[in-house]
Amino acid sequence: MTRKPNTEPAPASAAPVRAITKEDVARAAGVSHITVSRVINTPEKVSPETRAKVESFIASMGYIPNMLAGGLASRRTRIVAAIVPTISHSIFAETVRGLSEKLSEQGYQLLLGQTNYSETAETALVEAFIGRRVDGLVLTGVQHTARTRQRLKAAGIPVVETWDLTKRPIDMLVGFNNHEAGRAMGDYLIKKGYRRMAFIGGEDPRGMARFSGMRDAVLAHGAQEPIHIKIPLGSFLHAGREAIGLLLREHPDVDAVFFSNDVIAAGAAMECIRRGIQVPRQIALAGFANLEIAPEVTPALTTVQISGHQIGLTTAEMLLARFNGLGVAQPICDLGYSIVEREST
């Protein structure tokens, strides 16, 4: 049987879809495409009546401006990229929130990249974001590959490192001293009467600095060398449960534990409840960052208070000042830390 060719017209839905353009909006609104561009990029230069009319057509026609094309002409994309080790738990979430809040006030959008604590991955993200012409970059920490530093210096864009301190930042810096924060917790636990201590955390540079600070404090007071239980980077509640179980099994004489973040400490607190271990009478627990979970677990966690949200806000303020051609009076900003005492110690 010979099949006849199908000569019926294709359904309307199969017709090629053409994106709405700036020229389409201009024709519909009865203005020039330059006026449409001004409404999008410099609305203050357009009369309120014309602006309202053009914005109405932009909304009703579903037009989305090509910000990259406009950015290439003005050398601005109004996009900032932030690179964090993980988005899996809330330790960096407040910094991202602060960044996004402040940047959006001046029409900037935030791109987010995750390294999983890999400096090589950070280099790849830096190169990708620079290739997309972001206006500025936010990094976590001050440890980077030589290639990352080279790329950032060559890019000529504002860069802010966060969550740590160094005397020689790439450009600008907002953070706190992780070593001194760890030392403060060590001093605090010693003053509370604890003498056999442990630290549970990953081997990222900031976590190791907290352990080093705690260790210095403990040894300075003549106590024993603290035990260091290492766990995978980016760990959660489950890792805290496993680590405290290992510690109790192998070092039953430990009377206080400092964790590299509150999420891990919360997991340990839950495991202590499961085992019937009384906190802090049998073992004290202390966390880091004062995350939302810290006061909610039982018993509520003593922790090191740092302001992740303020890190984000201050970082955004520095970037916006540079974008607007202004200087930054304090390119290295130490936001400090404090000990928040709760029932767990």
C-alpha atoms as a PDB file:
ATOM      1  CA  MET A   1       0.000   0.000   0.000  1.00  0.00           C
ATOM      2  CA  THR A   2       1.404   3.380  -1.027  1.00  0.00           C
ATOM      3  CA  ARG A   3       1.157   6.031   1.688  1.00  0.00           C
ATOM      4  CA  LYS A   4       0.158   9.442   0.426  1.00  0.00           C
ATOM      5  CA  PRO A   5       2.285  12.348   1.583  1.00  0.00           C
ATOM      6  CA  ASN A   6       0.723  14.384   4.350  1.00  0.00           C
ATOM      7  CA  THR A   7      -0.182  17.742   2.836  1.00  0.00           C
ATOM      8  CA  GLU A   8      -2.178  19.031   5.783  1.00  0.00           C
ATOM      9  CA  PRO A   9      -0.765  22.200   7.348  1.00  0.00           C
ATOM     10  CA  ALA A  10       1.100  21.776  10.591  1.00  0.00           C
ATOM     11  CA  PRO A  11      -0.834  22.771  13.711  1.00  0.00           C
ATOM     12  CA  ALA A  12      -0.340  26.295  14.945  1.00  0.00           C
ATOM     13  CA  SER A  13       1.554  25.024  17.961  1.00  0.00           C
ATOM     14  CA  ALA A  14       4.265  23.619  15.697  1.00  0.00           C
ATOM     15  CA  ALA A  15       5.086  27.023  14.212  1.00  0.00           C
ATOM     16  CA  PRO A  16       8.524  28.384  15.117  1.00  0.00           C
ATOM     17  CA  VAL A  17       8.439  30.477  18.291  1.00  0.00           C
ATOM     18  CA  ARG A  18      10.077  33.892  18.034  1.00  0.00           C
ATOM     19  CA  ALA A  19      11.182  35.750  21.148  1.00  0.00           C
ATOM     20  CA  ILE A  20       9.639  39.140  21.784  1.00  0.00           C
ATOM     21  CA  THR A  21      12.233  41.830  21.035  1.00  0.00           C
ATOM     22  CA  LYS A  22      12.862  45.352  22.154  1.00  0.00           C
ATOM     23  CA  GLU A  23      11.704  46.541  18.729  1.00  0.00           C
ATOM     24  CA  ASP A  24       8.377  44.720  19.204  1.00  0.00           C
ATOM     25  CA  VAL A  25       7.810  46.564  22.459  1.00  0.00           C
ATOM     26  CA  ALA A  26       8.787  49.886  20.875  1.00  0.00           C
ATOM     27  CA  ARG A  27       6.310  49.426  17.997  1.00  0.00           C
ATOM     28  CA  ALA A  28       3.502  48.421  20.349  1.00  0.00           C
ATOM     29  CA  ALA A  29       4.145  51.373  22.659  1.00  0.00           C
ATOM     30  CA  GLY A  30       4.670  53.828  19.830  1.00  0.00           C
ATOM     31  CA  VAL A  31       8.162  54.848  20.959  1.00  0.00           C
ATOM     32  CA  SER A  32      11.704  54.328  19.692  1.00  0.00           C
ATOM     33  CA  HIS A  33      13.766  51.294  20.725  1.00  0.00           C
ATOM     34  CA  ILE A  34      16.180  53.753  22.377  1.00  0.00           C
ATOM     35  CA  THR A  35      13.359  54.876  24.675  1.00  0.00           C
ATOM     36  CA  VAL A  36      12.677  51.265  25.606  1.00  0.00           C
ATOM     37  CA  SER A  37      16.383  50.828  26.394  1.00  0.00           C
ATOM     38  CA  ARG A  38      16.317  53.892  28.617  1.00  0.00           C
ATOM     39  CA  VAL A  39      13.273  52.632  30.502  1.00  0.00           C
ATOM     40  CA  ILE A  40      15.158  49.390  31.198  1.00  0.00           C
ATOM     41  CA  ASN A  41      18.635  50.761  31.938  1.00  0.00           C
ATOM     42  CA  THR A  42      18.224  54.401  33.014  1.00  0.00           C
ATOM     43  CA  PRO A  43      14.539  54.912  33.922  1.00  0.00           C
ATOM     44  CA  GLU A  44      15.283  58.193  35.669  1.00  0.00           C
ATOM     45  CA  LYS A  45      15.963  59.733  32.237  1.00  0.00           C
ATOM     46  CA  VAL A  46      12.441  58.969  30.979  1.00  0.00           C
ATOM     47  CA  SER A  47       9.285  60.877  31.883  1.00  0.00           C
ATOM     48  CA  PRO A  48       7.002  59.046  34.362  1.00  0.00           C
ATOM     49  CA  GLU A  49       4.193  58.844  31.788  1.00  0.00           C
ATOM     50  CA  THR A  50       6.362  57.303  29.054  1.00  0.00           C
ATOM     51  CA  ARG A  51       8.041  54.988  31.522  1.00  0.00           C
ATOM     52  CA  ALA A  52       4.707  53.704  32.831  1.00  0.00           C
ATOM     53  CA  LYS A  53       3.429  53.100  29.282  1.00  0.00           C
ATOM     54  CA  VAL A  54       6.545  51.216  28.174  1.00  0.00           C
ATOM     55  CA  GLU A  55       6.694  49.173  31.394  1.00  0.00           C
ATOM     56  CA  SER A  56       3.053  48.206  30.848  1.00  0.00           C
ATOM     57  CA  PHE A  57       3.823  46.869  27.360  1.00  0.00           C
ATOM     58  CA  ILE A  58       6.942  45.072  28.623  1.00  0.00           C
ATOM     59  CA  ALA A  59       4.825  43.293  31.233  1.00  0.00           C
ATOM     60  CA  SER A  60       1.854  42.478  28.975  1.00  0.00           C
ATOM     61  CA  MET A  61       4.043  41.201  26.121  1.00  0.00           C
ATOM     62  CA  GLY A  62       6.294  39.138  28.398  1.00  0.00           C
ATOM     63  CA  TYR A  63       9.470  40.815  27.143  1.00  0.00           C
ATOM     64  CA  ILE A  64      12.651  39.852  29.038  1.00  0.00           C
ATOM     65  CA  PRO A  65      15.550  42.262  28.397  1.00  0.00           C
ATOM     66  CA  ASN A  66      18.841  40.790  27.224  1.00  0.00           C
ATOM     67  CA  MET A  67      20.907  42.029  30.146  1.00  0.00           C
ATOM     68  CA  LEU A  68      24.089  40.470  28.770  1.00  0.00           C
ATOM     69  CA  ALA A  69      23.883  42.468  25.521  1.00  0.00           C
ATOM     70  CA  GLY A  70      23.277  45.684  27.413  1.00  0.00           C
ATOM     71  CA  GLY A  71      25.981  44.793  29.893  1.00  0.00           C
ATOM     72  CA  LEU A  72      28.589  44.252  27.175  1.00  0.00           C
ATOM     73  CA  ALA A  73      27.918  47.730  25.825  1.00  0.00           C
ATOM     74  CA  SER A  74      28.194  49.329  29.274  1.00  0.00           C
ATOM     75  CA  ARG A  75      30.700  46.787  30.676  1.00  0.00           C
ATOM     76  CA  ARG A  76      28.127  46.006  33.385  1.00  0.00           C
ATOM     77  CA  THR A  77      25.999  42.875  33.749  1.00  0.00           C
ATOM     78  CA  ARG A  78      24.614  43.754  37.216  1.00  0.00           C
ATOM     79  CA  ILE A  79      25.455  40.202  38.317  1.00  0.00           C
ATOM     80  CA  VAL A  80      27.596  39.241  41.316  1.00  0.00           C
ATOM     81  CA  ALA A  81      28.844  35.677  41.826  1.00  0.00           C
ATOM     82  CA  ALA A  82      29.338  34.112  45.258  1.00  0.00           C
ATOM     83  CA  ILE A  83      31.261  30.880  45.775  1.00  0.00           C
ATOM     84  CA  VAL A  84      30.619  28.851  48.941  1.00  0.00           C
ATOM     85  CA  PRO A  85      31.914  25.431  50.059  1.00  0.00           C
ATOM     86  CA  THR A  86      28.430  23.945  50.441  1.00  0.00           C
ATOM     87  CA  ILE A  87      24.757  24.818  50.208  1.00  0.00           C
ATOM     88  CA  SER A  88      23.776  21.632  52.035  1.00  0.00           C
ATOM     89  CA  HIS A  89      23.274  23.208  55.444  1.00  0.00           C
ATOM     90  CA  SER A  90      22.703  26.629  56.914  1.00  0.00           C
ATOM     91  CA  ILE A  91      26.190  27.683  57.990  1.00  0.00           C
ATOM     92  CA  PHE A  92      26.669  29.802  54.848  1.00  0.00           C
ATOM     93  CA  ALA A  93      22.975  30.458  54.129  1.00  0.00           C
ATOM     94  CA  GLU A  94      22.800  33.640  56.197  1.00  0.00           C
ATOM     95  CA  THR A  95      25.760  35.143  54.332  1.00  0.00           C
ATOM     96  CA  VAL A  96      24.066  34.410  51.010  1.00  0.00           C
ATOM     97  CA  ARG A  97      20.828  35.943  52.325  1.00  0.00           C
ATOM     98  CA  GLY A  98      22.573  39.130  53.437  1.00  0.00           C
ATOM     99  CA  LEU A  99      24.343  39.431  50.086  1.00  0.00           C
ATOM    100  CA  SER A 100      21.162  38.935  48.099  1.00  0.00           C
ATOM    101  CA  GLU A 101      19.131  41.384  50.191  1.00  0.00           C
ATOM    102  CA  LYS A 102      21.567  44.273  49.873  1.00  0.00           C
ATOM    103  CA  LEU A 103      22.531  43.689  46.227  1.00  0.00           C
ATOM    104  CA  SER A 104      18.923  43.467  45.071  1.00  0.00           C
ATOM    105  CA  GLU A 105      18.240  46.935  46.494  1.00  0.00           C
ATOM    106  CA  GLN A 106      20.353  48.345  43.667  1.00  0.00           C
ATOM    107  CA  GLY A 107      19.212  45.944  40.965  1.00  0.00           C
ATOM    108  CA  TYR A 108      22.026  43.388  41.167  1.00  0.00           C
ATOM    109  CA  GLN A 109      21.396  39.647  40.918  1.00  0.00           C
ATOM    110  CA  LEU A 110      23.364  36.922  42.718  1.00  0.00           C
ATOM    111  CA  LEU A 111      24.807  33.781  41.117  1.00  0.00           C
ATOM    112  CA  LEU A 112      25.836  30.976  43.455  1.00  0.00           C
ATOM    113  CA  GLY A 113      28.522  28.336  43.013  1.00  0.00           C
ATOM    114  CA  GLN A 114      29.444  25.390  45.291  1.00  0.00           C
ATOM    115  CA  THR A 115      32.983  23.996  45.616  1.00  0.00           C
ATOM    116  CA  ASN A 116      32.432  21.068  48.001  1.00  0.00           C
ATOM    117  CA  TYR A 117      35.556  22.366  49.769  1.00  0.00           C
ATOM    118  CA  SER A 118      37.738  21.852  46.666  1.00  0.00           C
ATOM    119  CA  GLU A 119      40.192  24.608  45.681  1.00  0.00           C
ATOM    120  CA  THR A 120      40.339  23.151  42.175  1.00  0.00           C
ATOM    121  CA  ALA A 121      36.558  23.409  41.875  1.00  0.00           C
ATOM    122  CA  GLU A 122      36.786  26.994  43.096  1.00  0.00           C
ATOM    123  CA  THR A 123      39.255  27.797  40.306  1.00  0.00           C
ATOM    124  CA  ALA A 124      36.887  26.350  37.691  1.00  0.00           C
ATOM    125  CA  LEU A 125      33.974  28.377  39.066  1.00  0.00           C
ATOM    126  CA  VAL A 126      36.022  31.579  39.153  1.00  0.00           C
ATOM    127  CA  GLU A 127      36.983  31.124  35.518  1.00  0.00           C
ATOM    128  CA  ALA A 128      33.387  30.329  34.517  1.00  0.00           C
ATOM    129  CA  PHE A 129      31.979  33.370  36.316  1.00  0.00           C
ATOM    130  CA  ILE A 130      34.643  35.722  34.958  1.00  0.00           C
ATOM    131  CA  GLY A 131      33.882  34.371  31.479  1.00  0.00           C
ATOM    132  CA  ARG A 132      30.258  35.382  32.009  1.00  0.00           C
ATOM    133  CA  ARG A 133      31.371  38.925  32.846  1.00  0.00           C
ATOM    134  CA  VAL A 134      30.120  39.128  36.413  1.00  0.00           C
ATOM    135  CA  ASP A 135      30.654  42.552  37.980  1.00  0.00           C
ATOM    136  CA  GLY A 136      32.127  41.186  41.203  1.00  0.00           C
ATOM    137  CA  LEU A 137      33.079  37.971  43.003  1.00  0.00           C
ATOM    138  CA  VAL A 138      32.627  36.822  46.597  1.00  0.00           C
ATOM    139  CA  LEU A 139      34.817  33.971  47.866  1.00  0.00           C
ATOM    140  CA  THR A 140      34.702  31.924  51.064  1.00  0.00           C
ATOM    141  CA  GLY A 141      37.988  31.809  52.936  1.00  0.00           C
ATOM    142  CA  VAL A 142      41.444  33.076  52.030  1.00  0.00           C
ATOM    143  CA  GLN A 143      43.053  29.835  50.785  1.00  0.00           C
ATOM    144  CA  HIS A 144      43.052  29.699  46.971  1.00  0.00           C
ATOM    145  CA  THR A 145      45.131  28.177  44.201  1.00  0.00           C
ATOM    146  CA  ALA A 146      47.784  30.310  42.491  1.00  0.00           C
ATOM    147  CA  ARG A 147      45.716  30.064  39.296  1.00  0.00           C
ATOM    148  CA  THR A 148      42.624  31.453  41.044  1.00  0.00           C
ATOM    149  CA  ARG A 149      44.597  34.422  42.336  1.00  0.00           C
ATOM    150  CA  GLN A 150      46.085  35.032  38.887  1.00  0.00           C
ATOM    151  CA  ARG A 151      42.663  34.963  37.213  1.00  0.00           C
ATOM    152  CA  LEU A 152      41.162  37.333  39.756  1.00  0.00           C
ATOM    153  CA  LYS A 153      44.019  39.824  39.499  1.00  0.00           C
ATOM    154  CA  ALA A 154      43.764  39.794  35.694  1.00  0.00           C
ATOM    155  CA  ALA A 155      39.971  40.198  35.716  1.00  0.00           C
ATOM    156  CA  GLY A 156      40.150  43.640  37.296  1.00  0.00           C
ATOM    157  CA  ILE A 157      36.809  43.294  39.105  1.00  0.00           C
ATOM    158  CA  PRO A 158      36.036  43.818  42.807  1.00  0.00           C
ATOM    159  CA  VAL A 159      36.639  40.693  44.907  1.00  0.00           C
ATOM    160  CA  VAL A 160      35.656  40.118  48.538  1.00  0.00           C
ATOM    161  CA  GLU A 161      36.966  37.180  50.561  1.00  0.00           C
ATOM    162  CA  THR A 162      34.814  36.191  53.535  1.00  0.00           C
ATOM    163  CA  TRP A 163      34.658  34.037  56.667  1.00  0.00           C
ATOM    164  CA  ASP A 164      38.337  34.450  57.556  1.00  0.00           C
ATOM    165  CA  LEU A 165      41.068  37.046  57.984  1.00  0.00           C
ATOM    166  CA  THR A 166      44.449  37.684  56.386  1.00  0.00           C
ATOM    167  CA  LYS A 167      46.721  40.717  56.227  1.00  0.00           C
ATOM    168  CA  ARG A 168      47.054  40.302  52.460  1.00  0.00           C
ATOM    169  CA  PRO A 169      43.638  39.821  50.849  1.00  0.00           C
ATOM    170  CA  ILE A 170      43.245  39.625  47.076  1.00  0.00           C
ATOM    171  CA  ASP A 171      41.195  42.833  47.198  1.00  0.00           C
ATOM    172  CA  MET A 172      38.725  43.249  50.089  1.00  0.00           C
ATOM    173  CA  LEU A 173      37.910  41.070  53.093  1.00  0.00           C
ATOM    174  CA  VAL A 174      35.021  40.599  55.547  1.00  0.00           C
ATOM    175  CA  GLY A 175      35.296  37.994  58.281  1.00  0.00           C
ATOM    176  CA  PHE A 176      36.669  37.067  61.666  1.00  0.00           C
ATOM    177  CA  ASN A 177      39.675  35.285  63.129  1.00  0.00           C
ATOM    178  CA  ASN A 178      38.877  31.553  63.228  1.00  0.00           C
ATOM    179  CA  HIS A 179      41.973  30.746  65.296  1.00  0.00           C
ATOM    180  CA  GLU A 180      41.126  33.313  67.953  1.00  0.00           C
ATOM    181  CA  ALA A 181      37.479  32.207  67.993  1.00  0.00           C
ATOM    182  CA  GLY A 182      38.627  28.650  68.682  1.00  0.00           C
ATOM    183  CA  ARG A 183      40.991  29.901  71.366  1.00  0.00           C
ATOM    184  CA  ALA A 184      38.144  31.821  73.025  1.00  0.00           C
ATOM    185  CA  MET A 185      36.079  28.632  73.224  1.00  0.00           C
ATOM    186  CA  GLY A 186      39.047  26.732  74.653  1.00  0.00           C
ATOM    187  CA  ASP A 187      39.532  29.415  77.336  1.00  0.00           C
ATOM    188  CA  TYR A 188      35.826  29.351  78.118  1.00  0.00           C
ATOM    189  CA  LEU A 189      35.719  25.557  78.577  1.00  0.00           C
ATOM    190  CA  ILE A 190      38.828  25.633  80.780  1.00  0.00           C
ATOM    191  CA  LYS A 191      37.259  28.321  82.981  1.00  0.00           C
ATOM    192  CA  LYS A 192      34.138  26.157  83.307  1.00  0.00           C
ATOM    193  CA  GLY A 193      36.341  23.450  84.826  1.00  0.00           C
ATOM    194  CA  TYR A 194      36.691  21.020  81.903  1.00  0.00           C
ATOM    195  CA  ARG A 195      40.114  19.483  81.425  1.00  0.00           C
ATOM    196  CA  ARG A 196      39.872  16.513  79.010  1.00  0.00           C
ATOM    197  CA  MET A 197      38.668  17.933  75.728  1.00  0.00           C
ATOM    198  CA  ALA A 198      38.100  16.945  72.120  1.00  0.00           C
ATOM    199  CA  PHE A 199      37.441  18.688  68.827  1.00  0.00           C
ATOM    200  CA  ILE A 200      35.189  17.208  66.132  1.00  0.00           C
ATOM    201  CA  GLY A 201      35.258  18.714  62.645  1.00  0.00           C
ATOM    202  CA  GLY A 202      36.481  18.587  59.068  1.00  0.00           C
ATOM    203  CA  GLU A 203      39.928  19.403  57.740  1.00  0.00           C
ATOM    204  CA  ASP A 204      39.048  22.580  55.858  1.00  0.00           C
ATOM    205  CA  PRO A 205      41.378  25.523  56.669  1.00  0.00           C
ATOM    206  CA  ARG A 206      38.803  27.384  58.799  1.00  0.00           C
ATOM    207  CA  GLY A 207      37.874  24.302  60.818  1.00  0.00           C
ATOM    208  CA  MET A 208      41.531  23.466  61.379  1.00  0.00           C
ATOM    209  CA  ALA A 209      42.171  27.044  62.531  1.00  0.00           C
ATOM    210  CA  ARG A 210      39.389  26.676  65.143  1.00  0.00           C
ATOM    211  CA  PHE A 211      40.939  23.439  66.385  1.00  0.00           C
ATOM    212  CA  SER A 212      44.396  25.045  66.493  1.00  0.00           C
ATOM    213  CA  GLY A 213      43.073  27.952  68.568  1.00  0.00           C
ATOM    214  CA  MET A 214      41.285  25.647  70.990  1.00  0.00           C
ATOM    215  CA  ARG A 215      44.412  23.490  71.301  1.00  0.00           C
ATOM    216  CA  ASP A 216      46.592  26.535  72.078  1.00  0.00           C
ATOM    217  CA  ALA A 217      44.226  27.607  74.842  1.00  0.00           C
ATOM    218  CA  VAL A 218      43.990  24.144  76.390  1.00  0.00           C
ATOM    219  CA  LEU A 219      47.753  23.574  76.403  1.00  0.00           C
ATOM    220  CA  ALA A 220      48.405  27.078  77.731  1.00  0.00           C
ATOM    221  CA  HIS A 221      46.355  26.169  80.794  1.00  0.00           C
ATOM    222  CA  GLY A 222      48.296  22.951  81.346  1.00  0.00           C
ATOM    223  CA  ALA A 223      45.506  20.588  80.303  1.00  0.00           C
ATOM    224  CA  GLN A 224      46.038  17.470  78.172  1.00  0.00           C
ATOM    225  CA  GLU A 225      46.439  17.555  74.397  1.00  0.00           C
ATOM    226  CA  PRO A 226      42.890  17.675  72.978  1.00  0.00           C
ATOM    227  CA  ILE A 227      41.673  14.739  70.920  1.00  0.00           C
ATOM    228  CA  HIS A 228      40.898  15.516  67.275  1.00  0.00           C
ATOM    229  CA  ILE A 229      38.163  13.471  65.614  1.00  0.00           C
ATOM    230  CA  LYS A 230      38.144  14.203  61.872  1.00  0.00           C
ATOM    231  CA  ILE A 231      34.931  13.871  59.891  1.00  0.00           C
ATOM    232  CA  PRO A 232      34.104  14.365  56.173  1.00  0.00           C
ATOM    233  CA  LEU A 233      33.797  17.949  54.997  1.00  0.00           C
ATOM    234  CA  GLY A 234      30.257  19.242  54.673  1.00  0.00           C
ATOM    235  CA  SER A 235      28.993  16.789  57.291  1.00  0.00           C
ATOM    236  CA  PHE A 236      25.515  16.823  58.842  1.00  0.00           C
ATOM    237  CA  LEU A 237      23.660  15.626  61.914  1.00  0.00           C
ATOM    238  CA  HIS A 238      24.463  11.981  61.151  1.00  0.00           C
ATOM    239  CA  ALA A 239      28.210  12.653  61.214  1.00  0.00           C
ATOM    240  CA  GLY A 240      27.852  14.278  64.630  1.00  0.00           C
ATOM    241  CA  ARG A 241      26.000  11.233  65.938  1.00  0.00           C
ATOM    242  CA  GLU A 242      28.663   8.858  64.611  1.00  0.00           C
ATOM    243  CA  ALA A 243      31.590  10.980  65.806  1.00  0.00           C
ATOM    244  CA  ILE A 244      30.318  11.328  69.383  1.00  0.00           C
ATOM    245  CA  GLY A 245      29.703   7.588  69.453  1.00  0.00           C
ATOM    246  CA  LEU A 246      33.302   6.941  68.392  1.00  0.00           C
ATOM    247  CA  LEU A 247      34.611   9.430  70.927  1.00  0.00           C
ATOM    248  CA  LEU A 248      32.613   7.954  73.832  1.00  0.00           C
ATOM    249  CA  ARG A 249      33.775   4.464  72.902  1.00  0.00           C
ATOM    250  CA  GLU A 250      37.480   5.219  72.516  1.00  0.00           C
ATOM    251  CA  HIS A 251      37.896   8.123  74.957  1.00  0.00           C
ATOM    252  CA  PRO A 252      35.306   7.762  77.730  1.00  0.00           C
ATOM    253  CA  ASP A 253      37.229  10.208  79.955  1.00  0.00           C
ATOM    254  CA  VAL A 254      36.536  13.220  77.694  1.00  0.00           C
ATOM    255  CA  ASP A 255      34.454  15.811  79.547  1.00  0.00           C
ATOM    256  CA  ALA A 256      33.932  18.500  76.840  1.00  0.00           C
ATOM    257  CA  VAL A 257      33.722  18.583  73.043  1.00  0.00           C
ATOM    258  CA  PHE A 258      34.005  21.568  70.692  1.00  0.00           C
ATOM    259  CA  PHE A 259      32.460  21.054  67.240  1.00  0.00           C
ATOM    260  CA  SER A 260      33.397  22.922  64.060  1.00  0.00           C
ATOM    261  CA  ASN A 261      29.732  23.885  63.526  1.00  0.00           C
ATOM    262  CA  ASP A 262      26.368  23.722  65.285  1.00  0.00           C
ATOM    263  CA  VAL A 263      24.838  21.172  62.900  1.00  0.00           C
ATOM    264  CA  ILE A 264      27.382  18.514  63.862  1.00  0.00           C
ATOM    265  CA  ALA A 265      27.059  19.455  67.529  1.00  0.00           C
ATOM    266  CA  ALA A 266      23.268  19.089  67.311  1.00  0.00           C
ATOM    267  CA  GLY A 267      23.680  15.578  65.906  1.00  0.00           C
ATOM    268  CA  ALA A 268      25.934  14.713  68.839  1.00  0.00           C
ATOM    269  CA  ALA A 269      23.409  16.123  71.320  1.00  0.00           C
ATOM    270  CA  MET A 270      20.678  13.935  69.807  1.00  0.00           C
ATOM    271  CA  GLU A 271      22.895  10.869  70.092  1.00  0.00           C
ATOM    272  CA  CYS A 272      23.612  11.639  73.747  1.00  0.00           C
ATOM    273  CA  ILE A 273      19.855  11.761  74.401  1.00  0.00           C
ATOM    274  CA  ARG A 274      19.425   8.422  72.623  1.00  0.00           C
ATOM    275  CA  ARG A 275      22.124   6.834  74.776  1.00  0.00           C
ATOM    276  CA  GLY A 276      20.865   8.361  78.016  1.00  0.00           C
ATOM    277  CA  ILE A 277      24.044  10.422  78.469  1.00  0.00           C
ATOM    278  CA  GLN A 278      23.439  13.586  80.486  1.00  0.00           C
ATOM    279  CA  VAL A 279      24.697  16.820  78.941  1.00  0.00           C
ATOM    280  CA  PRO A 280      26.573  18.641  80.429  1.00  0.00           C
ATOM    281  CA  ARG A 281      26.892  16.559  83.635  1.00  0.00           C
ATOM    282  CA  GLN A 282      28.616  13.662  81.863  1.00  0.00           C
ATOM    283  CA  ILE A 283      29.944  15.518  78.826  1.00  0.00           C
ATOM    284  CA  ALA A 284      29.701  19.153  77.691  1.00  0.00           C
ATOM    285  CA  LEU A 285      29.041  20.092  74.057  1.00  0.00           C
ATOM    286  CA  ALA A 286      29.811  23.368  72.277  1.00  0.00           C
ATOM    287  CA  GLY A 287      29.251  24.393  68.665  1.00  0.00           C
ATOM    288  CA  PHE A 288      30.166  27.151  66.268  1.00  0.00           C
ATOM    289  CA  ALA A 289      28.235  29.853  64.326  1.00  0.00           C
ATOM    290  CA  ASN A 290      25.090  30.135  66.510  1.00  0.00           C
ATOM    291  CA  LEU A 291      22.869  28.726  63.780  1.00  0.00           C
ATOM    292  CA  GLU A 292      19.102  28.577  64.153  1.00  0.00           C
ATOM    293  CA  ILE A 293      19.328  24.990  65.403  1.00  0.00           C
ATOM    294  CA  ALA A 294      21.640  25.855  68.339  1.00  0.00           C
ATOM    295  CA  PRO A 295      18.988  27.088  70.817  1.00  0.00           C
ATOM    296  CA  GLU A 296      16.412  24.532  69.647  1.00  0.00           C
ATOM    297  CA  VAL A 297      18.169  21.269  70.525  1.00  0.00           C
ATOM    298  CA  THR A 298      18.075  19.752  74.019  1.00  0.00           C
ATOM    299  CA  PRO A 299      19.986  20.956  75.868  1.00  0.00           C
ATOM    300  CA  ALA A 300      20.441  24.265  74.009  1.00  0.00           C
ATOM    301  CA  LEU A 301      23.960  24.590  72.607  1.00  0.00           C
ATOM    302  CA  THR A 302      26.693  26.850  73.865  1.00  0.00           C
ATOM    303  CA  THR A 303      28.348  28.189  70.716  1.00  0.00           C
ATOM    304  CA  VAL A 304      30.598  30.802  69.138  1.00  0.00           C
ATOM    305  CA  GLN A 305      28.468  33.647  67.793  1.00  0.00           C
ATOM    306  CA  ILE A 306      29.489  34.986  64.407  1.00  0.00           C
ATOM    307  CA  SER A 307      27.203  37.005  62.164  1.00  0.00           C
ATOM    308  CA  GLY A 308      26.943  35.266  58.806  1.00  0.00           C
ATOM    309  CA  HIS A 309      24.159  37.652  57.811  1.00  0.00           C
ATOM    310  CA  GLN A 310      26.257  40.722  58.610  1.00  0.00           C
ATOM    311  CA  ILE A 311      29.150  39.254  56.613  1.00  0.00           C
ATOM    312  CA  GLY A 312      26.816  39.179  53.610  1.00  0.00           C
ATOM    313  CA  LEU A 313      25.489  42.707  54.164  1.00  0.00           C
ATOM    314  CA  THR A 314      28.950  44.228  54.657  1.00  0.00           C
ATOM    315  CA  THR A 315      30.329  42.381  51.636  1.00  0.00           C
ATOM    316  CA  ALA A 316      27.500  43.705  49.461  1.00  0.00           C
ATOM    317  CA  GLU A 317      28.045  47.260  50.732  1.00  0.00           C
ATOM    318  CA  MET A 318      31.728  47.074  49.779  1.00  0.00           C
ATOM    319  CA  LEU A 319      30.919  45.783  46.299  1.00  0.00           C
ATOM    320  CA  LEU A 320      28.216  48.409  45.700  1.00  0.00           C
ATOM    321  CA  ALA A 321      30.577  51.182  46.755  1.00  0.00           C
ATOM    322  CA  ARG A 322      33.133  50.008  44.216  1.00  0.00           C
ATOM    323  CA  PHE A 323      30.484  49.579  41.505  1.00  0.00           C
ATOM    324  CA  ASN A 324      29.464  53.201  42.103  1.00  0.00           C
ATOM    325  CA  GLY A 325      33.032  54.447  41.771  1.00  0.00           C
ATOM    326  CA  LEU A 326      33.518  55.062  45.482  1.00  0.00           C
ATOM    327  CA  GLY A 327      36.404  54.038  47.687  1.00  0.00           C
ATOM    328  CA  VAL A 328      36.127  51.592  50.597  1.00  0.00           C
ATOM    329  CA  ALA A 329      37.483  53.136  53.786  1.00  0.00           C
ATOM    330  CA  GLN A 330      38.032  49.778  55.504  1.00  0.00           C
ATOM    331  CA  PRO A 331      38.924  47.107  52.917  1.00  0.00           C
ATOM    332  CA  ILE A 332      39.673  44.592  55.699  1.00  0.00           C
ATOM    333  CA  CYS A 333      36.670  44.302  58.021  1.00  0.00           C
ATOM    334  CA  ASP A 334      36.920  42.141  61.153  1.00  0.00           C
ATOM    335  CA  LEU A 335      33.384  41.536  62.460  1.00  0.00           C
ATOM    336  CA  GLY A 336      34.604  39.575  65.474  1.00  0.00           C
ATOM    337  CA  TYR A 337      32.912  36.824  67.508  1.00  0.00           C
ATOM    338  CA  SER A 338      31.549  36.131  71.002  1.00  0.00           C
ATOM    339  CA  ILE A 339      30.720  33.139  73.189  1.00  0.00           C
ATOM    340  CA  VAL A 340      27.009  32.422  73.688  1.00  0.00           C
ATOM    341  CA  GLU A 341      26.590  30.318  76.825  1.00  0.00           C
ATOM    342  CA  ARG A 342      23.653  27.891  77.019  1.00  0.00           C
ATOM    343  CA  GLU A 343      22.745  24.731  78.897  1.00  0.00           C
ATOM    344  CA  SER A 344      25.046  22.310  77.026  1.00  0.00           C
ATOM    345  CA  THR A 345      28.116  23.446  78.959  1.00  0.00           C
END
